[in-house]
Amino acid sequence: SAPVKMLQKQPLPEGTIDFVSLVADHPPEPPQVEFDVKEDLAHIAYTGGTTGTPKGVMITHYNVIANCCQFALWFGGGDIEFHDGVFHVRRMEGDRPEDHPTGEGREVSLIVVPWFHAMGVIGYLDMQLLGGTTLVVFPRFDPTEYLQAINKYRATGFGGAPQLFVQLVENPLFREIDMSDIRLVASGAAPIPHHLLESLREKIPGVVCEAYGLSECTMGCAANPPSREGFRLGSVGLPMQDTEIKIVDPEKGEEEMPVGEIGEICIKGPQVMKGYWRKPEETAEVLRDGWLYTGDIGRFDEDGYLYIVDRKKDMLIYKGYNVYPRDLEEVLNAHPAVAQSAVVGKRDDRYGELPVAFVQLAPGASVSEEELLEYANAELAAYKKIRALRIVEAVPASQAGKILRRELKDLAQEIEIG
């Protein structure tokens, strides 16, 4: 269990417990703690949802175990069996472990996805431990070091947000490294560009899988079938085991849409959260009659494959990080020359979405685009920085006063960003 490379000691805030000391100072036998698996929380994952206001997603132990088992069996085959306090895999006749991309105790996984959000802690920690996987953990992402580790540690799988793959495919080593042992590459958190998927599939003999989920359903609820033949380009796949997904009218919220028609994606299953921490009104808004209303817009094809069309939410995803326009707009709106602003995303294959700001000045005010950009970015974290800013005569709005972000998104795509 010794680390390959010691991490540099960082200053810790008061009250932080050092993990090494914690292990050394306490007995190895776990304490006896009584808890209700379906009611008590395993963790609280924070998400900004549609408003950017942080909401704690309450995930129970049952949610975590169910979602880990769903994905483990999706990629490894079989069915779950639990006895003597241990999870086992039960297989039907003819279902061989070697016919699936992953197997118990045989995988070596490269881990660079941060463990502080849903995909990281469930997909790249909990699920890996459940499968007895060897974890090669990187404190930070260096594409050259990451690619070299594939052969060095005889890795059989890796995954993350699309921005991870962009830098890997662009690296000269990508063409040279032998990836014949890679059996599974998984992508999530944001739509992956088609040309990137094709590059990965050409290089890797195993399964390249795009999946879909959100913090409110623990991690995931749909994935492409774990085979090269079952993969469908542009789709996030089929609903997981014990999971129902329906597409409803995005305005009325109840009427189910016909196959092929777009609408809001709703999920029902054992991985759906208990609710938002101490936010009963927000909980009631998204959990209705057992269904989770995701705010994402999608459609089904004739074979039941799910496609994500757009996000009802305004959130951007930059390098796998959530960026909420409201945070950036509040900084811009604090400038005395700004009447109002709107931030939208410009699609970028390398980084995901680049924040672009449109600003309406206060009457009689005078300020340059460069000055406003410098002013805002001085207040923002590096991953939140606005990449382009345009002053407009008026920020477009509906009769109800809502900003017409779709119009601005179209304009943002035409802006050249150096």
Protein backbone atom coordinates (compact mmCIF):
# COMPACT_ATOMS: atom_id res chain seq x y z
CA SER A 1 0.00 0.00 0.00
CA ALA A 2 3.03 2.31 -0.11
CA PRO A 3 2.68 5.22 -2.55
CA VAL A 4 4.85 5.11 -5.67
CA LYS A 5 5.58 8.80 -5.28
CA MET A 6 5.14 10.74 -2.03
CA LEU A 7 2.92 13.80 -2.33
CA GLN A 8 4.28 17.13 -1.19
CA LYS A 9 2.98 18.16 2.24
CA GLN A 10 0.50 21.00 1.98
CA PRO A 11 -0.61 23.37 4.74
CA LEU A 12 -3.91 22.14 6.18
CA PRO A 13 -6.75 24.18 7.69
CA GLU A 14 -7.36 23.93 11.42
CA GLY A 15 -9.36 20.87 12.40
CA THR A 16 -8.14 18.72 9.48
CA ILE A 17 -7.20 15.16 10.47
CA ASP A 18 -4.11 13.67 8.82
CA PHE A 19 -5.12 10.32 7.30
CA VAL A 20 -1.80 8.57 8.03
CA SER A 21 -2.01 9.59 11.69
CA LEU A 22 -5.63 8.50 11.82
CA VAL A 23 -4.73 5.01 10.60
CA ALA A 24 -1.68 4.73 12.87
CA ASP A 25 -3.46 5.88 16.04
CA HIS A 26 -6.56 3.71 15.80
CA PRO A 27 -7.10 -0.08 15.82
CA PRO A 28 -7.72 -1.82 12.47
CA GLU A 29 -11.04 -3.32 13.64
CA PRO A 30 -13.93 -1.16 12.42
CA PRO A 31 -16.27 0.20 15.10
CA GLN A 32 -19.77 -1.22 15.27
CA VAL A 33 -22.07 1.46 13.93
CA GLU A 34 -25.79 0.90 13.46
CA PHE A 35 -27.30 2.68 10.46
CA ASP A 36 -30.13 2.45 7.96
CA VAL A 37 -28.69 1.88 4.48
CA LYS A 38 -31.68 3.50 2.73
CA GLU A 39 -31.96 6.53 5.02
CA ASP A 40 -28.49 7.38 6.34
CA LEU A 41 -26.12 9.30 4.11
CA ALA A 42 -22.88 8.02 2.62
CA HIS A 43 -21.90 11.50 1.46
CA ILE A 44 -23.20 14.88 0.32
CA ALA A 45 -22.09 15.97 -3.15
CA TYR A 46 -22.54 19.66 -3.93
CA THR A 47 -24.00 20.78 -7.23
CA GLY A 48 -25.11 24.16 -8.49
CA GLY A 49 -28.05 22.83 -10.49
CA THR A 50 -29.94 25.38 -12.56
CA THR A 51 -29.19 28.46 -10.46
CA GLY A 52 -25.56 28.16 -9.43
CA THR A 53 -26.63 28.23 -5.76
CA PRO A 54 -24.83 25.29 -4.07
CA LYS A 55 -27.12 22.41 -3.17
CA GLY A 56 -26.03 19.36 -1.22
CA VAL A 57 -27.10 16.14 -2.97
CA MET A 58 -27.95 13.58 -0.28
CA ILE A 59 -26.65 10.18 -1.34
CA THR A 60 -27.44 7.20 0.87
CA HIS A 61 -25.34 4.05 1.34
CA TYR A 62 -28.00 2.21 -0.67
CA ASN A 63 -27.65 4.70 -3.55
CA VAL A 64 -23.88 4.23 -3.66
CA ILE A 65 -23.89 0.44 -3.51
CA ALA A 66 -26.70 0.18 -6.06
CA ASN A 67 -24.96 2.46 -8.57
CA CYS A 68 -21.58 0.76 -8.08
CA CYS A 69 -23.17 -2.64 -8.67
CA GLN A 70 -25.06 -1.39 -11.71
CA PHE A 71 -21.89 -0.21 -13.45
CA ALA A 72 -19.73 -3.10 -12.25
CA LEU A 73 -22.15 -5.66 -13.66
CA TRP A 74 -22.81 -3.60 -16.80
CA PHE A 75 -19.15 -3.90 -17.72
CA GLY A 76 -18.40 -7.23 -16.04
CA GLY A 77 -21.56 -9.26 -16.62
CA GLY A 78 -23.43 -11.46 -14.17
CA ASP A 79 -25.83 -10.53 -11.40
CA ILE A 80 -25.32 -9.43 -7.80
CA GLU A 81 -25.30 -11.83 -4.88
CA PHE A 82 -24.79 -10.89 -1.23
CA HIS A 83 -24.07 -13.29 1.61
CA ASP A 84 -21.86 -13.41 4.71
CA GLY A 85 -21.40 -9.65 4.46
CA VAL A 86 -19.68 -9.88 1.06
CA PHE A 87 -20.82 -9.06 -2.48
CA HIS A 88 -20.42 -11.82 -5.05
CA VAL A 89 -21.17 -12.15 -8.75
CA ARG A 90 -23.67 -14.84 -9.77
CA ARG A 91 -23.51 -15.94 -13.40
CA MET A 92 -25.93 -17.72 -15.66
CA GLU A 93 -24.73 -20.73 -17.61
CA GLY A 94 -22.59 -19.62 -20.55
CA ASP A 95 -21.84 -16.17 -19.10
CA ARG A 96 -18.05 -16.25 -18.89
CA PRO A 97 -16.02 -13.53 -17.11
CA GLU A 98 -13.55 -13.36 -20.00
CA ASP A 99 -16.35 -12.32 -22.38
CA HIS A 100 -16.67 -8.93 -20.66
CA PRO A 101 -14.36 -5.89 -20.66
CA THR A 102 -13.83 -5.92 -16.87
CA GLY A 103 -13.44 -8.65 -14.28
CA GLU A 104 -13.04 -9.01 -10.52
CA GLY A 105 -9.51 -8.56 -9.26
CA ARG A 106 -7.83 -8.47 -12.64
CA GLU A 107 -7.95 -4.79 -13.71
CA VAL A 108 -5.37 -2.00 -13.42
CA SER A 109 -6.93 1.44 -13.67
CA LEU A 110 -5.27 4.84 -14.17
CA ILE A 111 -6.97 7.38 -11.88
CA VAL A 112 -6.73 11.13 -12.38
CA VAL A 113 -10.41 12.06 -11.98
CA PRO A 114 -10.78 14.13 -8.76
CA TRP A 115 -12.46 12.27 -5.92
CA PHE A 116 -14.46 15.27 -4.75
CA HIS A 117 -17.32 14.96 -7.23
CA ALA A 118 -19.81 12.25 -8.21
CA MET A 119 -17.98 10.66 -11.15
CA GLY A 120 -14.71 10.62 -9.23
CA VAL A 121 -15.80 9.18 -5.90
CA ILE A 122 -18.29 6.63 -7.29
CA GLY A 123 -16.76 5.63 -10.63
CA TYR A 124 -13.06 5.99 -9.85
CA LEU A 125 -12.89 5.07 -6.17
CA ASP A 126 -15.89 3.14 -4.80
CA MET A 127 -16.58 1.09 -7.93
CA GLN A 128 -12.89 0.31 -8.39
CA LEU A 129 -12.58 -0.96 -4.82
CA LEU A 130 -15.71 -3.07 -5.21
CA GLY A 131 -14.10 -4.79 -8.20
CA GLY A 132 -10.75 -5.38 -6.52
CA THR A 133 -9.05 -3.14 -9.09
CA THR A 134 -5.44 -1.97 -8.74
CA LEU A 135 -5.53 1.84 -8.70
CA VAL A 136 -2.65 3.88 -10.14
CA VAL A 137 -3.48 7.34 -8.77
CA PHE A 138 -2.07 10.57 -10.19
CA PRO A 139 -2.02 13.71 -8.02
CA ARG A 140 -2.30 15.84 -11.18
CA PHE A 141 -2.71 15.28 -14.90
CA ASP A 142 0.37 15.22 -17.09
CA PRO A 143 -0.54 13.65 -20.48
CA THR A 144 2.98 12.35 -21.14
CA GLU A 145 3.31 10.76 -17.69
CA TYR A 146 -0.21 9.35 -18.01
CA LEU A 147 0.47 7.74 -21.39
CA GLN A 148 3.78 6.28 -20.19
CA ALA A 149 1.96 4.72 -17.24
CA ILE A 150 -0.19 2.59 -19.56
CA ASN A 151 2.73 0.29 -20.35
CA LYS A 152 4.65 0.87 -17.12
CA TYR A 153 1.80 -0.45 -14.94
CA ARG A 154 0.17 -2.65 -17.62
CA ALA A 155 -3.06 -0.68 -17.35
CA THR A 156 -6.27 -2.24 -18.61
CA GLY A 157 -8.55 0.79 -18.33
CA PHE A 158 -8.89 4.53 -17.79
CA GLY A 159 -11.50 7.25 -18.16
CA GLY A 160 -12.76 10.70 -17.29
CA ALA A 161 -14.19 13.83 -18.88
CA PRO A 162 -13.67 14.44 -22.64
CA GLN A 163 -10.98 17.05 -21.97
CA LEU A 164 -8.74 14.28 -20.64
CA PHE A 165 -8.87 12.48 -23.98
CA VAL A 166 -8.25 15.62 -26.02
CA GLN A 167 -4.81 16.07 -24.49
CA LEU A 168 -4.01 12.36 -24.73
CA VAL A 169 -4.91 12.12 -28.43
CA GLU A 170 -2.94 15.30 -29.25
CA ASN A 171 0.16 14.04 -27.46
CA PRO A 172 2.81 12.54 -29.82
CA LEU A 173 3.13 9.51 -27.51
CA PHE A 174 -0.48 8.52 -28.20
CA ARG A 175 0.51 7.08 -31.58
CA GLU A 176 3.55 5.24 -30.18
CA ILE A 177 2.22 3.68 -26.98
CA ASP A 178 1.01 0.07 -27.16
CA MET A 179 -2.60 0.04 -25.96
CA SER A 180 -3.40 -3.56 -26.78
CA ASP A 181 -4.06 -4.33 -23.07
CA ILE A 182 -6.70 -1.59 -22.69
CA ARG A 183 -10.10 -3.25 -22.39
CA LEU A 184 -12.25 -0.30 -21.31
CA VAL A 185 -12.18 3.47 -21.75
CA ALA A 186 -15.13 5.35 -20.23
CA SER A 187 -16.17 8.94 -20.92
CA GLY A 188 -18.64 11.03 -18.93
CA ALA A 189 -19.42 14.47 -17.43
CA ALA A 190 -19.88 16.14 -20.85
CA PRO A 191 -20.57 15.18 -24.48
CA ILE A 192 -17.47 13.84 -26.21
CA PRO A 193 -16.72 15.11 -29.75
CA HIS A 194 -17.31 12.48 -32.44
CA HIS A 195 -13.85 12.78 -33.98
CA LEU A 196 -12.30 12.17 -30.56
CA LEU A 197 -14.33 9.01 -30.05
CA GLU A 198 -13.27 7.73 -33.45
CA SER A 199 -9.59 8.39 -32.67
CA LEU A 200 -9.87 6.40 -29.44
CA ARG A 201 -11.72 3.53 -31.11
CA GLU A 202 -9.12 3.29 -33.87
CA LYS A 203 -6.29 3.10 -31.32
CA ILE A 204 -7.84 0.93 -28.61
CA PRO A 205 -8.97 -2.65 -29.32
CA GLY A 206 -11.21 -2.72 -26.26
CA VAL A 207 -14.50 -0.98 -25.50
CA VAL A 208 -14.79 2.81 -25.65
CA CYS A 209 -17.97 3.73 -23.80
CA GLU A 210 -19.82 7.02 -23.36
CA ALA A 211 -22.17 7.18 -20.36
CA TYR A 212 -24.62 9.67 -18.83
CA GLY A 213 -25.44 10.72 -15.32
CA LEU A 214 -25.51 13.53 -12.80
CA SER A 215 -24.86 14.03 -9.08
CA GLU A 216 -28.58 13.67 -8.34
CA CYS A 217 -28.51 10.03 -9.51
CA THR A 218 -25.34 9.21 -7.54
CA MET A 219 -23.21 8.98 -10.69
CA GLY A 220 -24.85 7.38 -13.70
CA CYS A 221 -28.09 6.08 -15.16
CA ALA A 222 -27.26 5.17 -18.79
CA ALA A 223 -24.31 3.80 -20.74
CA ASN A 224 -23.48 2.36 -24.12
CA PRO A 225 -23.46 -1.46 -24.20
CA PRO A 226 -20.01 -2.80 -23.23
CA SER A 227 -19.09 -4.04 -26.69
CA ARG A 228 -17.73 -2.48 -29.85
CA GLU A 229 -20.78 -3.73 -31.75
CA GLY A 230 -23.28 -2.27 -29.28
CA PHE A 231 -21.72 1.20 -29.25
CA ARG A 232 -23.73 3.91 -31.02
CA LEU A 233 -21.92 7.11 -31.99
CA GLY A 234 -23.47 10.24 -30.46
CA SER A 235 -25.59 8.31 -27.96
CA VAL A 236 -25.05 7.91 -24.21
CA GLY A 237 -26.50 4.43 -24.50
CA LEU A 238 -29.29 2.52 -22.76
CA PRO A 239 -30.79 2.80 -19.25
CA MET A 240 -28.87 0.84 -16.61
CA GLN A 241 -30.32 -2.21 -14.84
CA ASP A 242 -33.35 -1.40 -12.63
CA THR A 243 -33.46 2.11 -14.11
CA GLU A 244 -36.34 3.74 -15.96
CA ILE A 245 -35.82 6.79 -18.15
CA LYS A 246 -38.57 8.76 -19.85
CA ILE A 247 -38.69 11.91 -21.99
CA VAL A 248 -41.43 14.38 -21.04
CA ASP A 249 -42.71 17.65 -22.43
CA PRO A 250 -40.24 20.25 -21.11
CA GLU A 251 -43.00 22.80 -20.49
CA LYS A 252 -45.84 20.67 -19.09
CA GLY A 253 -43.54 18.20 -17.31
CA GLU A 254 -45.88 15.19 -17.38
CA GLU A 255 -46.84 14.27 -20.93
CA GLU A 256 -44.43 11.64 -22.26
CA MET A 257 -42.94 12.45 -25.67
CA PRO A 258 -43.08 10.04 -28.64
CA VAL A 259 -39.90 8.23 -29.72
CA GLY A 260 -37.59 10.62 -31.55
CA GLU A 261 -39.13 13.77 -30.02
CA ILE A 262 -37.03 15.86 -27.65
CA GLY A 263 -37.99 16.69 -24.07
CA GLU A 264 -36.77 16.72 -20.49
CA ILE A 265 -35.01 13.57 -19.27
CA CYS A 266 -36.55 11.99 -16.14
CA ILE A 267 -35.01 9.10 -14.18
CA LYS A 268 -36.34 6.55 -11.70
CA GLY A 269 -34.09 3.99 -10.03
CA PRO A 270 -32.24 2.89 -6.87
CA GLN A 271 -29.46 5.42 -7.57
CA VAL A 272 -31.72 8.50 -7.42
CA MET A 273 -30.80 10.79 -4.51
CA LYS A 274 -32.74 11.16 -1.29
CA GLY A 275 -33.03 14.90 -1.90
CA TYR A 276 -31.18 18.19 -1.44
CA TRP A 277 -29.71 18.83 2.00
CA ARG A 278 -32.03 21.15 3.97
CA LYS A 279 -33.72 22.38 0.78
CA PRO A 280 -37.23 20.84 0.75
CA GLU A 281 -38.62 23.22 -1.89
CA GLU A 282 -35.79 22.54 -4.35
CA THR A 283 -36.15 18.81 -3.63
CA ALA A 284 -39.88 18.87 -4.39
CA GLU A 285 -39.16 20.70 -7.64
CA VAL A 286 -36.96 17.92 -9.09
CA LEU A 287 -38.34 14.80 -7.33
CA ARG A 288 -41.93 14.18 -8.41
CA ASP A 289 -43.76 10.88 -7.87
CA GLY A 290 -40.44 9.03 -7.61
CA TRP A 291 -39.04 10.57 -10.80
CA LEU A 292 -35.95 12.78 -10.93
CA TYR A 293 -36.45 15.69 -13.36
CA THR A 294 -32.89 16.29 -14.56
CA GLY A 295 -33.22 19.55 -16.45
CA ASP A 296 -31.37 17.91 -19.35
CA ILE A 297 -32.97 17.74 -22.79
CA GLY A 298 -32.78 14.51 -24.79
CA ARG A 299 -34.50 11.98 -27.04
CA PHE A 300 -34.70 8.23 -27.64
CA ASP A 301 -34.20 6.49 -30.96
CA GLU A 302 -36.22 3.49 -32.12
CA ASP A 303 -33.88 1.05 -30.36
CA GLY A 304 -34.07 2.79 -26.97
CA TYR A 305 -30.70 4.56 -27.16
CA LEU A 306 -30.65 7.90 -25.36
CA TYR A 307 -29.23 11.07 -26.93
CA ILE A 308 -28.46 14.27 -25.00
CA VAL A 309 -29.57 17.26 -27.06
CA ASP A 310 -28.94 20.17 -24.71
CA ARG A 311 -29.02 21.26 -21.10
CA LYS A 312 -32.02 23.03 -19.71
CA LYS A 313 -29.56 24.26 -17.14
CA ASP A 314 -27.28 27.16 -17.95
CA MET A 315 -24.23 25.54 -16.38
CA LEU A 316 -21.06 25.31 -18.46
CA ILE A 317 -18.47 22.53 -18.25
CA TYR A 318 -14.87 23.68 -18.68
CA LYS A 319 -12.13 21.02 -18.43
CA GLY A 320 -14.60 18.86 -16.52
CA TYR A 321 -15.30 21.62 -13.97
CA ASN A 322 -18.75 23.13 -13.49
CA VAL A 323 -18.85 26.86 -14.24
CA TYR A 324 -22.04 28.69 -13.35
CA PRO A 325 -22.79 31.79 -15.45
CA ARG A 326 -24.43 33.48 -12.49
CA ASP A 327 -21.11 33.58 -10.62
CA LEU A 328 -19.40 35.35 -13.52
CA GLU A 329 -22.34 37.66 -14.19
CA GLU A 330 -22.36 38.82 -10.57
CA VAL A 331 -18.72 39.88 -10.87
CA LEU A 332 -19.38 41.76 -14.12
CA ASN A 333 -22.55 43.39 -12.80
CA ALA A 334 -20.61 44.81 -9.86
CA HIS A 335 -18.74 47.12 -12.24
CA PRO A 336 -20.31 50.63 -12.15
CA ALA A 337 -20.45 50.85 -15.96
CA VAL A 338 -22.43 47.59 -16.39
CA ALA A 339 -26.22 47.55 -16.54
CA GLN A 340 -26.54 43.80 -17.03
CA SER A 341 -24.60 40.88 -18.45
CA ALA A 342 -25.06 37.32 -19.65
CA VAL A 343 -22.46 34.55 -19.86
CA VAL A 344 -22.83 31.58 -22.21
CA GLY A 345 -20.53 28.86 -23.49
CA LYS A 346 -18.65 28.57 -26.76
CA ARG A 347 -18.13 24.93 -27.71
CA ASP A 348 -14.48 23.86 -27.75
CA ASP A 349 -13.23 20.33 -28.49
CA ARG A 350 -10.19 20.78 -26.26
CA TYR A 351 -11.70 22.35 -23.15
CA GLY A 352 -15.44 21.71 -23.32
CA GLU A 353 -17.09 25.13 -23.12
CA LEU A 354 -15.36 28.53 -23.00
CA PRO A 355 -17.16 31.27 -21.02
CA VAL A 356 -18.15 34.19 -23.27
CA ALA A 357 -19.73 37.35 -21.81
CA PHE A 358 -22.18 39.79 -23.39
CA VAL A 359 -22.45 43.12 -21.55
CA GLN A 360 -25.01 45.91 -21.73
CA LEU A 361 -23.61 49.20 -20.40
CA ALA A 362 -25.41 51.59 -18.09
CA PRO A 363 -26.76 54.74 -19.82
CA GLY A 364 -23.96 57.24 -20.43
CA ALA A 365 -21.25 54.83 -19.23
CA SER A 366 -18.03 54.32 -21.15
CA VAL A 367 -15.61 51.43 -20.75
CA SER A 368 -13.70 49.19 -23.16
CA GLU A 369 -14.18 45.44 -23.61
CA GLU A 370 -10.54 44.89 -22.60
CA GLU A 371 -10.98 46.83 -19.35
CA LEU A 372 -14.10 44.86 -18.40
CA LEU A 373 -12.44 41.54 -19.23
CA GLU A 374 -9.42 42.39 -17.10
CA TYR A 375 -11.66 43.62 -14.25
CA ALA A 376 -13.74 40.42 -14.14
CA ASN A 377 -10.91 37.92 -14.55
CA ALA A 378 -8.94 39.51 -11.72
CA GLU A 379 -11.76 38.32 -9.41
CA LEU A 380 -12.27 34.86 -10.87
CA ALA A 381 -10.54 31.51 -10.35
CA ALA A 382 -8.45 30.33 -13.32
CA TYR A 383 -11.00 27.76 -14.54
CA LYS A 384 -13.81 30.37 -14.40
CA LYS A 385 -12.07 33.09 -16.38
CA ILE A 386 -14.06 34.71 -19.19
CA ARG A 387 -12.38 33.98 -22.53
CA ALA A 388 -14.12 36.65 -24.62
CA LEU A 389 -16.32 39.67 -23.91
CA ARG A 390 -18.54 41.71 -26.19
CA ILE A 391 -20.37 44.95 -25.38
CA VAL A 392 -23.86 44.94 -26.93
CA GLU A 393 -26.51 47.60 -27.24
CA ALA A 394 -28.94 45.44 -25.26
CA VAL A 395 -28.85 41.90 -23.86
CA PRO A 396 -31.72 40.09 -25.67
CA ALA A 397 -34.62 39.17 -23.42
CA SER A 398 -38.08 37.64 -23.73
CA GLN A 399 -41.30 39.51 -22.94
CA ALA A 400 -41.15 37.94 -19.50
CA GLY A 401 -37.72 39.52 -18.99
CA LYS A 402 -35.74 36.27 -19.26
CA ILE A 403 -32.43 36.49 -21.08
CA LEU A 404 -32.55 34.71 -24.43
CA ARG A 405 -29.41 32.66 -23.92
CA ARG A 406 -29.96 30.57 -27.03
CA GLU A 407 -29.49 33.67 -29.21
CA LEU A 408 -26.32 34.55 -27.33
CA LYS A 409 -25.00 31.00 -27.59
CA ASP A 410 -25.34 31.17 -31.36
CA LEU A 411 -23.43 34.48 -31.40
CA ALA A 412 -20.75 33.05 -29.12
CA GLN A 413 -19.97 30.23 -31.55
CA GLU A 414 -18.91 32.80 -34.17
CA ILE A 415 -16.44 34.61 -31.90
CA GLU A 416 -12.77 33.77 -32.48
CA ILE A 417 -10.89 33.12 -29.25
CA GLY A 418 -7.10 33.16 -29.37
